[in-house]
C-alpha atoms as a PDB file:
ATOM      1  CA  MET A   1      17.667 -23.401  13.025  1.00  0.00           C
ATOM      2  CA  LYS A   2      15.247 -22.806  10.041  1.00  0.00           C
ATOM      3  CA  ARG A   3      14.113 -19.348   9.450  1.00  0.00           C
ATOM      4  CA  VAL A   4      11.521 -17.684   7.299  1.00  0.00           C
ATOM      5  CA  ILE A   5      11.103 -13.969   6.649  1.00  0.00           C
ATOM      6  CA  LEU A   6       7.907 -12.537   5.683  1.00  0.00           C
ATOM      7  CA  THR A   7       8.099  -9.246   4.240  1.00  0.00           C
ATOM      8  CA  SER A   8       6.756  -6.572   1.747  1.00  0.00           C
ATOM      9  CA  SER A   9       7.922  -6.556  -1.911  1.00  0.00           C
ATOM     10  CA  SER A  10      10.465  -3.618  -0.903  1.00  0.00           C
ATOM     11  CA  GLY A  11      12.304  -6.404   1.159  1.00  0.00           C
ATOM     12  CA  VAL A  12      12.744  -8.911  -1.602  1.00  0.00           C
ATOM     13  CA  GLY A  13      16.373  -8.143  -1.760  1.00  0.00           C
ATOM     14  CA  LEU A  14      16.733  -9.921   1.848  1.00  0.00           C
ATOM     15  CA  ALA A  15      16.669 -13.216  -0.022  1.00  0.00           C
ATOM     16  CA  HIS A  16      20.085 -12.537  -1.378  1.00  0.00           C
ATOM     17  CA  ALA A  17      21.251 -11.116   1.861  1.00  0.00           C
ATOM     18  CA  ASP A  18      21.475 -14.698   3.412  1.00  0.00           C
ATOM     19  CA  ARG A  19      19.232 -13.680   6.338  1.00  0.00           C
ATOM     20  CA  ALA A  20      17.010 -16.561   6.270  1.00  0.00           C
ATOM     21  CA  ASP A  21      16.108 -20.204   4.400  1.00  0.00           C
ATOM     22  CA  MET A  22      13.234 -18.583   2.767  1.00  0.00           C
ATOM     23  CA  VAL A  23      11.980 -15.009   1.907  1.00  0.00           C
ATOM     24  CA  VAL A  24       8.453 -14.583   1.119  1.00  0.00           C
ATOM     25  CA  PRO A  25       7.832 -10.999  -0.393  1.00  0.00           C
ATOM     26  CA  PHE A  26       4.091 -10.073  -0.376  1.00  0.00           C
ATOM     27  CA  ILE A  27       3.078  -8.064  -3.451  1.00  0.00           C
ATOM     28  CA  PHE A  28      -0.818  -6.945  -2.404  1.00  0.00           C
ATOM     29  CA  ARG A  29      -1.326  -3.232  -2.852  1.00  0.00           C
ATOM     30  CA  PHE A  30      -3.964  -2.168  -0.545  1.00  0.00           C
ATOM     31  CA  VAL A  31      -3.643   1.730  -0.957  1.00  0.00           C
ATOM     32  CA  SER A  32      -5.244   2.109  -4.213  1.00  0.00           C
ATOM     33  CA  GLY A  33      -8.248   0.492  -5.855  1.00  0.00           C
ATOM     34  CA  PRO A  34     -10.894  -2.063  -4.219  1.00  0.00           C
ATOM     35  CA  LEU A  35      -9.418  -4.321  -1.555  1.00  0.00           C
ATOM     36  CA  PRO A  36      -8.934  -7.934  -2.347  1.00  0.00           C
ATOM     37  CA  THR A  37     -11.500 -10.175  -0.900  1.00  0.00           C
ATOM     38  CA  SER A  38     -10.877 -12.343   2.382  1.00  0.00           C
ATOM     39  CA  HIS A  39     -11.321 -15.650  -0.043  1.00  0.00           C
ATOM     40  CA  HIS A  40      -8.738 -13.987  -2.306  1.00  0.00           C
ATOM     41  CA  LEU A  41      -6.211 -13.102   0.429  1.00  0.00           C
ATOM     42  CA  GLU A  42      -6.619 -16.433   2.158  1.00  0.00           C
ATOM     43  CA  GLN A  43      -6.308 -18.506  -1.123  1.00  0.00           C
ATOM     44  CA  CYS A  44      -2.896 -16.555  -2.087  1.00  0.00           C
ATOM     45  CA  LEU A  45      -1.587 -18.268   1.430  1.00  0.00           C
ATOM     46  CA  THR A  46      -3.285 -21.887   1.372  1.00  0.00           C
ATOM     47  CA  GLY A  47      -1.827 -23.134  -1.812  1.00  0.00           C
ATOM     48  CA  GLY A  48      -3.421 -25.163  -4.680  1.00  0.00           C
ATOM     49  CA  TYR A  49      -5.085 -23.933  -7.879  1.00  0.00           C
ATOM     50  CA  VAL A  50      -8.667 -23.784  -8.555  1.00  0.00           C
ATOM     51  CA  ARG A  51     -10.279 -21.838 -11.416  1.00  0.00           C
ATOM     52  CA  GLY A  52     -11.139 -18.145 -10.317  1.00  0.00           C
ATOM     53  CA  ASP A  53      -8.430 -18.193  -7.459  1.00  0.00           C
ATOM     54  CA  PRO A  54      -5.723 -15.717  -7.338  1.00  0.00           C
ATOM     55  CA  GLU A  55      -3.352 -16.077 -10.327  1.00  0.00           C
ATOM     56  CA  VAL A  56      -0.421 -15.246  -7.903  1.00  0.00           C
ATOM     57  CA  ARG A  57       0.297 -17.612  -4.756  1.00  0.00           C
ATOM     58  CA  TRP A  58       2.842 -17.073  -2.051  1.00  0.00           C
ATOM     59  CA  SER A  59       5.083 -19.792  -3.267  1.00  0.00           C
ATOM     60  CA  ASP A  60       5.149 -18.396  -6.868  1.00  0.00           C
ATOM     61  CA  LEU A  61       7.317 -15.486  -5.308  1.00  0.00           C
ATOM     62  CA  VAL A  62      10.028 -17.855  -3.704  1.00  0.00           C
ATOM     63  CA  GLY A  63      12.306 -19.815  -5.950  1.00  0.00           C
ATOM     64  CA  ARG A  64      14.026 -23.199  -5.626  1.00  0.00           C
ATOM     65  CA  LEU A  65      15.214 -23.362  -1.824  1.00  0.00           C
ATOM     66  CA  PRO A  66      18.487 -25.194  -1.174  1.00  0.00           C
ATOM     67  CA  GLN A  67      17.043 -27.662   1.461  1.00  0.00           C
ATOM     68  CA  THR A  68      13.682 -28.325   0.001  1.00  0.00           C
ATOM     69  CA  GLY A  69      13.769 -27.731  -3.670  1.00  0.00           C
ATOM     70  CA  LEU A  70      10.337 -26.802  -5.121  1.00  0.00           C
ATOM     71  CA  ALA A  71       8.477 -28.721  -2.115  1.00  0.00           C
ATOM     72  CA  HIS A  72       6.778 -25.468  -1.165  1.00  0.00           C
ATOM     73  CA  LYS A  73       4.900 -25.127  -4.632  1.00  0.00           C
ATOM     74  CA  GLU A  74       1.173 -25.641  -4.289  1.00  0.00           C
ATOM     75  CA  THR A  75       1.275 -25.846  -0.641  1.00  0.00           C
ATOM     76  CA  GLY A  76      -0.155 -23.755   2.311  1.00  0.00           C
ATOM     77  CA  LEU A  77       2.512 -21.308   3.845  1.00  0.00           C
ATOM     78  CA  ILE A  78       1.266 -22.663   7.193  1.00  0.00           C
ATOM     79  CA  TRP A  79       1.622 -26.178   6.330  1.00  0.00           C
ATOM     80  CA  PHE A  80       5.205 -25.888   4.937  1.00  0.00           C
ATOM     81  CA  CYS A  81       6.259 -24.225   7.955  1.00  0.00           C
ATOM     82  CA  GLU A  82       4.729 -26.996  10.250  1.00  0.00           C
ATOM     83  CA  THR A  83       6.111 -29.809   7.953  1.00  0.00           C
ATOM     84  CA  TYR A  84       9.589 -28.616   7.233  1.00  0.00           C
ATOM     85  CA  GLY A  85      10.275 -27.651  10.875  1.00  0.00           C
ATOM     86  CA  VAL A  86      10.698 -23.880  10.538  1.00  0.00           C
ATOM     87  CA  ASP A  87      11.721 -22.419  13.820  1.00  0.00           C
ATOM     88  CA  LEU A  88      11.358 -18.950  13.421  1.00  0.00           C
ATOM     89  CA  ILE A  89       9.067 -16.905  11.187  1.00  0.00           C
ATOM     90  CA  GLU A  90      10.044 -13.047  11.373  1.00  0.00           C
ATOM     91  CA  LEU A  91       8.026 -10.209  10.081  1.00  0.00           C
ATOM     92  CA  TRP A  92       9.904  -7.584   8.294  1.00  0.00           C
ATOM     93  CA  PHE A  93       7.910  -4.834   7.020  1.00  0.00           C
ATOM     94  CA  GLY A  94       8.775  -1.001   6.696  1.00  0.00           C
ATOM     95  CA  PRO A  95       6.945   2.191   8.027  1.00  0.00           C
ATOM     96  CA  GLU A  96       5.364   2.838   4.820  1.00  0.00           C
ATOM     97  CA  PRO A  97       1.535   2.835   4.481  1.00  0.00           C
ATOM     98  CA  ASN A  98       1.075  -0.138   2.303  1.00  0.00           C
ATOM     99  CA  SER A  99       3.734  -2.424   4.202  1.00  0.00           C
ATOM    100  CA  GLN A 100       1.981  -1.405   7.577  1.00  0.00           C
ATOM    101  CA  LEU A 101      -1.204  -2.639   5.914  1.00  0.00           C
ATOM    102  CA  GLN A 102       0.510  -5.897   4.741  1.00  0.00           C
ATOM    103  CA  LEU A 103       1.803  -6.323   8.463  1.00  0.00           C
ATOM    104  CA  ILE A 104      -1.778  -6.068  10.135  1.00  0.00           C
ATOM    105  CA  TRP A 105      -3.135  -8.423   7.265  1.00  0.00           C
ATOM    106  CA  ILE A 106      -0.631 -11.236   7.932  1.00  0.00           C
ATOM    107  CA  LEU A 107      -0.958 -10.600  11.782  1.00  0.00           C
ATOM    108  CA  ASP A 108      -4.680 -10.918  11.529  1.00  0.00           C
ATOM    109  CA  TYR A 109      -4.201 -14.230   9.428  1.00  0.00           C
ATOM    110  CA  LEU A 110      -1.831 -15.689  11.462  1.00  0.00           C
ATOM    111  CA  ARG A 111      -3.702 -15.248  14.891  1.00  0.00           C
ATOM    112  CA  SER A 112      -6.086 -18.104  13.741  1.00  0.00           C
ATOM    113  CA  HIS A 113      -2.790 -20.580  13.446  1.00  0.00           C
ATOM    114  CA  PRO A 114      -1.868 -21.070  17.240  1.00  0.00           C
ATOM    115  CA  SER A 115       0.482 -23.863  15.987  1.00  0.00           C
ATOM    116  CA  ILE A 116       3.031 -21.401  14.649  1.00  0.00           C
ATOM    117  CA  THR A 117       2.093 -18.289  16.649  1.00  0.00           C
ATOM    118  CA  ASP A 118       4.911 -18.833  19.172  1.00  0.00           C
ATOM    119  CA  ARG A 119       7.583 -18.880  16.214  1.00  0.00           C
ATOM    120  CA  LEU A 120       6.792 -15.478  15.147  1.00  0.00           C
ATOM    121  CA  ARG A 121       8.893 -12.597  15.662  1.00  0.00           C
ATOM    122  CA  LEU A 122       8.447  -8.749  14.680  1.00  0.00           C
ATOM    123  CA  ARG A 123      11.334  -6.832  13.156  1.00  0.00           C
ATOM    124  CA  ARG A 124      10.899  -3.270  13.947  1.00  0.00           C
ATOM    125  CA  VAL A 125      11.966  -1.730  10.516  1.00  0.00           C
ATOM    126  CA  ASN A 126      11.949   2.085  10.493  1.00  0.00           C
ATOM    127  CA  PHE A 127      13.803   2.526   7.133  1.00  0.00           C
ATOM    128  CA  ASP A 128      13.350   1.402   3.414  1.00  0.00           C
ATOM    129  CA  LEU A 129      14.392  -2.385   3.104  1.00  0.00           C
ATOM    130  CA  ARG A 130      15.567  -1.692  -0.290  1.00  0.00           C
ATOM    131  CA  GLY A 131      19.338  -2.604  -0.388  1.00  0.00           C
ATOM    132  CA  VAL A 132      19.436  -3.183   3.350  1.00  0.00           C
ATOM    133  CA  ASP A 133      21.397  -6.182   5.018  1.00  0.00           C
ATOM    134  CA  GLY A 134      19.690  -6.055   8.274  1.00  0.00           C
ATOM    135  CA  THR A 135      22.635  -5.919  10.419  1.00  0.00           C
ATOM    136  CA  GLU A 136      21.528  -2.786  12.019  1.00  0.00           C
ATOM    137  CA  LEU A 137      18.272  -4.659  13.390  1.00  0.00           C
ATOM    138  CA  ARG A 138      19.711  -7.065  15.957  1.00  0.00           C
ATOM    139  CA  ASP A 139      18.311  -5.291  18.822  1.00  0.00           C
ATOM    140  CA  ARG A 140      14.828  -4.466  17.243  1.00  0.00           C
ATOM    141  CA  ILE A 141      13.191  -8.025  17.527  1.00  0.00           C
ATOM    142  CA  LEU A 142       9.932  -8.519  19.627  1.00  0.00           C
ATOM    143  CA  GLU A 143       8.072 -11.831  20.325  1.00  0.00           C
ATOM    144  CA  VAL A 144       4.550 -11.368  18.991  1.00  0.00           C
ATOM    145  CA  ALA A 145       2.250 -10.972  22.015  1.00  0.00           C
ATOM    146  CA  ASP A 146      -1.600 -11.596  21.922  1.00  0.00           C
ATOM    147  CA  CYS A 147      -1.968  -7.751  21.847  1.00  0.00           C
ATOM    148  CA  ASP A 148      -0.414  -7.544  18.636  1.00  0.00           C
ATOM    149  CA  PHE A 149      -2.801  -9.712  17.293  1.00  0.00           C
ATOM    150  CA  GLU A 150      -5.598  -7.757  18.596  1.00  0.00           C
ATOM    151  CA  ILE A 151      -4.415  -4.435  17.379  1.00  0.00           C
ATOM    152  CA  ALA A 152      -3.777  -5.968  13.905  1.00  0.00           C
ATOM    153  CA  ASN A 153      -7.319  -7.408  13.922  1.00  0.00           C
ATOM    154  CA  MET A 154      -8.770  -4.110  14.901  1.00  0.00           C
ATOM    155  CA  ALA A 155      -6.630  -1.940  12.473  1.00  0.00           C
ATOM    156  CA  TRP A 156      -7.341  -4.366   9.530  1.00  0.00           C
ATOM    157  CA  GLU A 157     -11.245  -4.600   9.831  1.00  0.00           C
ATOM    158  CA  ALA A 158     -11.261  -0.623  10.621  1.00  0.00           C
ATOM    159  CA  TYR A 159      -9.334  -0.083   7.118  1.00  0.00           C
ATOM    160  CA  ARG A 160     -11.861  -2.637   5.381  1.00  0.00           C
ATOM    161  CA  ALA A 161     -15.090  -0.554   6.918  1.00  0.00           C
ATOM    162  CA  PRO A 162     -17.334   0.696   4.497  1.00  0.00           C
ATOM    163  CA  THR A 163     -16.545   4.338   6.194  1.00  0.00           C
ATOM    164  CA  PRO A 164     -13.027   5.893   7.294  1.00  0.00           C
ATOM    165  CA  GLU A 165     -14.540   6.517  10.767  1.00  0.00           C
ATOM    166  CA  LEU A 166     -13.020   3.599  12.619  1.00  0.00           C
ATOM    167  CA  CYS A 167      -9.381   4.327  11.094  1.00  0.00           C
ATOM    168  CA  PHE A 168     -10.023   7.947  12.302  1.00  0.00           C
ATOM    169  CA  GLY A 169     -10.773   6.313  15.817  1.00  0.00           C
ATOM    170  CA  LEU A 170      -7.566   4.451  15.663  1.00  0.00           C
ATOM    171  CA  LEU A 171      -5.852   7.730  16.170  1.00  0.00           C
ATOM    172  CA  GLY A 172      -6.508   8.121  19.496  1.00  0.00           C
ATOM    173  CA  ARG A 173      -5.260   4.635  20.474  1.00  0.00           C
ATOM    174  CA  ASP A 174      -1.852   3.501  21.893  1.00  0.00           C
ATOM    175  CA  PHE A 175      -0.081   1.308  19.523  1.00  0.00           C
ATOM    176  CA  ARG A 176       3.291   1.425  21.393  1.00  0.00           C
ATOM    177  CA  ARG A 177       4.407  -2.172  20.078  1.00  0.00           C
ATOM    178  CA  LEU A 178       3.539  -1.168  16.472  1.00  0.00           C
ATOM    179  CA  PRO A 179       4.774   2.142  16.544  1.00  0.00           C
ATOM    180  CA  PHE A 180       4.644   2.862  12.774  1.00  0.00           C
ATOM    181  CA  LEU A 181       0.915   1.800  12.536  1.00  0.00           C
ATOM    182  CA  LYS A 182      -0.478   5.181  13.770  1.00  0.00           C
ATOM    183  CA  PRO A 183       1.769   7.386  11.306  1.00  0.00           C
ATOM    184  CA  ALA A 184       0.682   5.250   8.529  1.00  0.00           C
ATOM    185  CA  MET A 185      -2.932   5.725   9.236  1.00  0.00           C
ATOM    186  CA  GLU A 186      -2.562   9.457   9.340  1.00  0.00           C
ATOM    187  CA  GLN A 187      -0.869   9.453   5.901  1.00  0.00           C
ATOM    188  CA  LEU A 188      -3.736   7.289   4.463  1.00  0.00           C
ATOM    189  CA  LEU A 189      -6.374   9.713   6.157  1.00  0.00           C
ATOM    190  CA  ALA A 190      -4.730  12.617   4.544  1.00  0.00           C
ATOM    191  CA  GLU A 191      -5.396  10.901   0.993  1.00  0.00           C
ATOM    192  CA  LEU A 192      -8.974  11.523   1.415  1.00  0.00           C
ATOM    193  CA  PRO A 193     -10.142  14.831  -0.363  1.00  0.00           C
ATOM    194  CA  SER A 194      -9.521  18.088   1.382  1.00  0.00           C
ATOM    195  CA  PRO A 195     -12.844  20.148   2.331  1.00  0.00           C
ATOM    196  CA  ILE A 196     -11.374  23.138   0.669  1.00  0.00           C
ATOM    197  CA  THR A 197      -9.619  21.910  -2.563  1.00  0.00           C
ATOM    198  CA  GLY A 198     -10.996  18.587  -2.976  1.00  0.00           C
ATOM    199  CA  LEU A 199      -7.698  16.867  -3.174  1.00  0.00           C
ATOM    200  CA  GLY A 200      -5.742  14.268  -1.358  1.00  0.00           C
ATOM    201  CA  THR A 201      -2.072  15.190  -0.384  1.00  0.00           C
ATOM    202  CA  THR A 202      -0.510  13.515  -3.133  1.00  0.00           C
ATOM    203  CA  GLU A 203      -2.743  14.993  -5.629  1.00  0.00           C
ATOM    204  CA  ALA A 204      -2.085  18.311  -4.144  1.00  0.00           C
ATOM    205  CA  ARG A 205       1.813  17.741  -4.054  1.00  0.00           C
ATOM    206  CA  LEU A 206       1.424  16.881  -7.690  1.00  0.00           C
ATOM    207  CA  LEU A 207      -0.304  20.055  -8.545  1.00  0.00           C
ATOM    208  CA  ASP A 208       2.156  22.109  -6.764  1.00  0.00           C
ATOM    209  CA  LEU A 209       5.168  20.445  -8.399  1.00  0.00           C
ATOM    210  CA  ILE A 210       3.803  20.886 -11.907  1.00  0.00           C
ATOM    211  CA  ALA A 211       2.973  24.581 -10.956  1.00  0.00           C
ATOM    212  CA  ARG A 212       6.711  24.866 -10.210  1.00  0.00           C
ATOM    213  CA  GLY A 213       7.767  23.415 -13.343  1.00  0.00           C
ATOM    214  CA  HIS A 214       8.032  19.724 -12.761  1.00  0.00           C
ATOM    215  CA  ASN A 215       6.213  18.829 -16.026  1.00  0.00           C
ATOM    216  CA  ARG A 216       7.828  15.444 -16.887  1.00  0.00           C
ATOM    217  CA  THR A 217       6.386  12.405 -15.465  1.00  0.00           C
ATOM    218  CA  LYS A 218       9.619  10.647 -15.286  1.00  0.00           C
ATOM    219  CA  GLU A 219      10.789  12.999 -12.561  1.00  0.00           C
ATOM    220  CA  LEU A 220       7.479  13.029 -10.886  1.00  0.00           C
ATOM    221  CA  PHE A 221       7.268   9.461 -10.845  1.00  0.00           C
ATOM    222  CA  GLN A 222      10.888   8.733  -9.489  1.00  0.00           C
ATOM    223  CA  PRO A 223      10.814   6.876  -6.306  1.00  0.00           C
ATOM    224  CA  ASP A 224      13.351   9.361  -4.600  1.00  0.00           C
ATOM    225  CA  GLY A 225      12.039  12.115  -6.699  1.00  0.00           C
ATOM    226  CA  PRO A 226      10.556  15.400  -5.648  1.00  0.00           C
ATOM    227  CA  LEU A 227       7.178  14.082  -4.724  1.00  0.00           C
ATOM    228  CA  GLN A 228       8.320  12.050  -1.911  1.00  0.00           C
ATOM    229  CA  THR A 229       5.195  10.141  -1.680  1.00  0.00           C
ATOM    230  CA  ARG A 230       5.308   7.228   0.767  1.00  0.00           C
ATOM    231  CA  VAL A 231       1.324   6.059   0.094  1.00  0.00           C
ATOM    232  CA  PHE A 232       1.586   5.522  -3.605  1.00  0.00           C
ATOM    233  CA  ASP A 233       4.295   3.698  -5.789  1.00  0.00           C
ATOM    234  CA  GLN A 234       5.036   4.781  -9.432  1.00  0.00           C
ATOM    235  CA  TRP A 235       2.408   2.667 -11.043  1.00  0.00           C
ATOM    236  CA  GLU A 236      -0.437   4.097  -8.847  1.00  0.00           C
ATOM    237  CA  LEU A 237       0.641   7.810  -9.834  1.00  0.00           C
ATOM    238  CA  GLY A 238      -0.586   7.682 -13.199  1.00  0.00           C
ATOM    239  CA  PRO A 239      -4.178   7.047 -12.527  1.00  0.00           C
ATOM    240  CA  LEU A 240      -4.050   9.657  -9.880  1.00  0.00           C
ATOM    241  CA  LEU A 241      -2.760  12.141 -12.943  1.00  0.00           C
ATOM    242  CA  GLU A 242      -5.247  10.872 -15.352  1.00  0.00           C
ATOM    243  CA  GLY A 243      -8.112  11.664 -12.765  1.00  0.00           C
ATOM    244  CA  LEU A 244      -6.934  15.155 -12.517  1.00  0.00           C
ATOM    245  CA  GLY A 245      -6.504  15.505 -16.321  1.00  0.00           C
ATOM    246  CA  SER A 246      -9.921  14.237 -17.010  1.00  0.00           C
ATOM    247  CA  GLY A 247     -13.664  15.252 -16.139  1.00  0.00           C
ATOM    248  CA  PRO A 248     -15.684  18.290 -17.149  1.00  0.00           C
ATOM    249  CA  MET A 249     -13.152  20.443 -15.360  1.00  0.00           C
ATOM    250  CA  PRO A 250      -9.701  19.220 -15.658  1.00  0.00           C
ATOM    251  CA  VAL A 251      -6.820  20.853 -13.263  1.00  0.00           C
ATOM    252  CA  ILE A 252      -3.938  19.601 -15.372  1.00  0.00           C
ATOM    253  CA  THR A 253      -3.317  19.635 -19.203  1.00  0.00           C
ATOM    254  CA  GLY A 254      -0.734  17.775 -21.617  1.00  0.00           C
ATOM    255  CA  LEU A 255      -1.341  14.198 -20.943  1.00  0.00           C
ATOM    256  CA  ASP A 256      -0.776  12.379 -24.033  1.00  0.00           C
ATOM    257  CA  PRO A 257      -4.192  11.727 -25.635  1.00  0.00           C
ATOM    258  CA  LYS A 258      -3.273   8.033 -26.534  1.00  0.00           C
ATOM    259  CA  LEU A 259      -3.436   7.226 -22.616  1.00  0.00           C
ATOM    260  CA  ALA A 260      -7.190   7.644 -23.262  1.00  0.00           C
ATOM    261  CA  THR A 261      -7.088   4.646 -25.762  1.00  0.00           C
ATOM    262  CA  LEU A 262      -4.802   2.242 -23.899  1.00  0.00           C
ATOM    263  CA  ALA A 263      -5.863  -0.548 -21.896  1.00  0.00           C
ATOM    264  CA  PRO A 264      -5.046  -0.400 -18.148  1.00  0.00           C
ATOM    265  CA  HIS A 265      -3.050  -3.554 -18.099  1.00  0.00           C
ATOM    266  CA  ASP A 266      -0.687  -2.191 -21.209  1.00  0.00           C
ATOM    267  CA  ALA A 267       2.307  -1.203 -18.997  1.00  0.00           C
ATOM    268  CA  ARG A 268       4.718  -0.637 -21.876  1.00  0.00           C
ATOM    269  CA  GLY A 269       2.162   1.685 -23.931  1.00  0.00           C
ATOM    270  CA  ARG A 270       1.095   3.614 -20.979  1.00  0.00           C
ATOM    271  CA  ASN A 271       4.831   4.208 -19.942  1.00  0.00           C
ATOM    272  CA  ALA A 272       5.718   5.392 -23.122  1.00  0.00           C
ATOM    273  CA  ALA A 273       2.666   7.724 -23.295  1.00  0.00           C
ATOM    274  CA  PHE A 274       3.286   9.413 -19.822  1.00  0.00           C
ATOM    275  CA  ARG A 275       6.931   9.786 -20.719  1.00  0.00           C
ATOM    276  CA  ARG A 276       5.453  11.703 -23.781  1.00  0.00           C
ATOM    277  CA  SER A 277       3.395  13.928 -21.530  1.00  0.00           C
ATOM    278  CA  ARG A 278       4.078  17.717 -20.757  1.00  0.00           C
ATOM    279  CA  LEU A 279       2.081  18.835 -17.982  1.00  0.00           C
ATOM    280  CA  SER A 280       0.608  22.063 -16.764  1.00  0.00           C
ATOM    281  CA  LEU A 281      -2.088  23.595 -14.972  1.00  0.00           C
ATOM    282  CA  THR A 282      -5.180  24.549 -16.289  1.00  0.00           C
ATOM    283  CA  GLU A 283      -6.860  27.809 -15.207  1.00  0.00           C
ATOM    284  CA  PHE A 284      -9.082  25.896 -12.979  1.00  0.00           C
ATOM    285  CA  GLY A 285      -6.312  23.889 -11.519  1.00  0.00           C
ATOM    286  CA  GLU A 286      -4.577  27.103 -10.484  1.00  0.00           C
ATOM    287  CA  ALA A 287      -7.652  28.290  -8.769  1.00  0.00           C
ATOM    288  CA  VAL A 288      -7.877  24.570  -6.930  1.00  0.00           C
ATOM    289  CA  LEU A 289      -4.284  24.952  -5.847  1.00  0.00           C
ATOM    290  CA  GLN A 290      -4.832  28.298  -4.250  1.00  0.00           C
ATOM    291  CA  GLY A 291      -7.944  27.011  -2.554  1.00  0.00           C
ATOM    292  CA  ARG A 292     -10.428  29.064  -4.480  1.00  0.00           C
ATOM    293  CA  GLU A 293     -12.274  26.062  -6.229  1.00  0.00           C
ATOM    294  CA  ASP A 294     -13.001  22.437  -4.893  1.00  0.00           C
ATOM    295  CA  PHE A 295     -12.124  20.008  -7.720  1.00  0.00           C
ATOM    296  CA  ARG A 296     -14.442  17.271  -6.568  1.00  0.00           C
ATOM    297  CA  ARG A 297     -17.582  19.511  -6.727  1.00  0.00           C
ATOM    298  CA  GLN A 298     -16.932  20.147 -10.380  1.00  0.00           C
ATOM    299  CA  ASN A 299     -15.930  16.448 -11.240  1.00  0.00           C
ATOM    300  CA  PRO A 300     -17.316  12.977 -10.763  1.00  0.00           C
ATOM    301  CA  ILE A 301     -15.386  10.904  -8.614  1.00  0.00           C
ATOM    302  CA  ARG A 302     -15.591   7.189  -7.880  1.00  0.00           C
ATOM    303  CA  ARG A 303     -12.556   6.229  -5.927  1.00  0.00           C
ATOM    304  CA  TRP A 304     -11.861   3.519  -3.145  1.00  0.00           C
ATOM    305  CA  TRP A 305     -10.046   4.451   0.088  1.00  0.00           C
ATOM    306  CA  GLY A 306      -9.526   1.273   1.911  1.00  0.00           C
ATOM    307  CA  GLY A 307     -13.298  -0.561   2.055  1.00  0.00           C
ATOM    308  CA  THR A 308     -14.894   2.908   1.392  1.00  0.00           C
ATOM    309  CA  LEU A 309     -15.995   3.738  -1.878  1.00  0.00           C
ATOM    310  CA  LEU A 310     -15.997   7.442  -2.154  1.00  0.00           C
ATOM    311  CA  THR A 311     -18.684   9.036  -4.716  1.00  0.00           C
ATOM    312  CA  ASN A 312     -19.889  12.555  -5.068  1.00  0.00           C
ATOM    313  CA  GLU A 313     -22.789  11.761  -3.005  1.00  0.00           C
ATOM    314  CA  ARG A 314     -20.761  10.045  -0.332  1.00  0.00           C
ATOM    315  CA  LEU A 315     -17.528  11.944  -0.196  1.00  0.00           C
ATOM    316  CA  TRP A 316     -15.756  11.559   3.288  1.00  0.00           C
ATOM    317  CA  ARG A 317     -13.032  14.211   3.719  1.00  0.00           C
ATOM    318  CA  TRP A 318      -9.959  14.983   5.707  1.00  0.00           C
ATOM    319  CA  ASP A 319      -9.503  18.410   7.370  1.00  0.00           C
ATOM    320  CA  ARG A 320      -5.659  18.652   7.516  1.00  0.00           C
ATOM    321  CA  GLN A 321      -5.568  22.018   9.465  1.00  0.00           C
ATOM    322  CA  ASN A 322      -7.948  20.598  12.139  1.00  0.00           C
ATOM    323  CA  HIS A 323      -6.852  16.910  11.966  1.00  0.00           C
ATOM    324  CA  SER A 324     -10.277  15.842  11.816  1.00  0.00           C
ATOM    325  CA  LEU A 325     -12.687  13.531   9.704  1.00  0.00           C
ATOM    326  CA  VAL A 326     -15.535  15.588   7.719  1.00  0.00           C
ATOM    327  CA  ALA A 327     -18.680  13.387   6.930  1.00  0.00           C
ATOM    328  CA  PRO A 328     -20.466  13.649   3.569  1.00  0.00           C
END
C-alpha cells in the first residue's frame, strides 16, 4: 500500500519516521501578512514553472523517493498520486492556528478532485508534531466526509473575506469532526486589537513579559519560552515588536537602531540586531498595559488579519471580556 502524508512544516520529521512513502510539508504562513492569492496557492500544487509563479512547489519540499526517484519533480500533486498508485493520502495537521488554516485550505483544494477524495484520511493530531513518531495516533484516523469539505470551504472563505465577521460567525457552528478548528479561530480573533488597549493577545503578552524583566528577544522568541504563543512563529514576532517600537508613540524602547536600515529578507542581520536589543516599556507603554491608553489611537496601523486589511479608519477589534467582535 502506497501512502502519502500531507502535513504542516512542524510535521517535517515524519519523513524520517517511516510512516509513509512520501511526506509533503506545507510551509505557507497564513497568520501574518497578506494571504497568497488563489492562483499562487494552486500553482504551488500543480507543478511546472512559469515566470512569476511561486518559487517553491510542493515537490521542492520532497527529496528523492525510494520507489520513484525524482519523478515527482515538476508534476502536479494530484497527477502524481493518480499516476503512481497512491492508495492513501493522510492529512496530519496539528491544533495550532496556522496548521488548522493549512488543513482547511488543502481540504478546500482537494474537494474539487473527486478522483482521489475516497483515498483521503484525516488524522486528529492534538499535540505538537515535532519529534513525534505517530504511534499514538492509531485510533485517531477518519475517512474524510462530504461535510468536512463543506466546513473547510466555509471556514477558508470566511478567513479570506474582507471583514472578520464570517469568522466570528463560525464560533456558533458545530465542527465536531474538525474539533481544533473553532479554538484556532478563537485564537486568531483574539489577535485583533483590543477595544481598550489597541493590542492583540500576543502583543499584550509581549508587553507584560517585558514589564516583568524579560528584555531579551532570544528568550521571547524561543518556541517553548515564556511567551507561549500558538499563533505566530519566531520569525513573525520580530515585526510585531518593531510595530510596537515604532510610530509616534512607541510602547517599547531598546530595539537595535540598525533594524530600521536592514532589508526584510536579511534574516541573518536582523537576527543579530534583535539579539543586541535590550527592551523596556516606555511611559506610554506602561499606560497601555494598564488599560489607560489605546495604542492604535496614537499610532498608524496597516496590518493584515486573514483577508481583512486593518487600518486606523477600518479597525475591527476583539472584545476579549465579552467574547465579541467590535465593528469600526
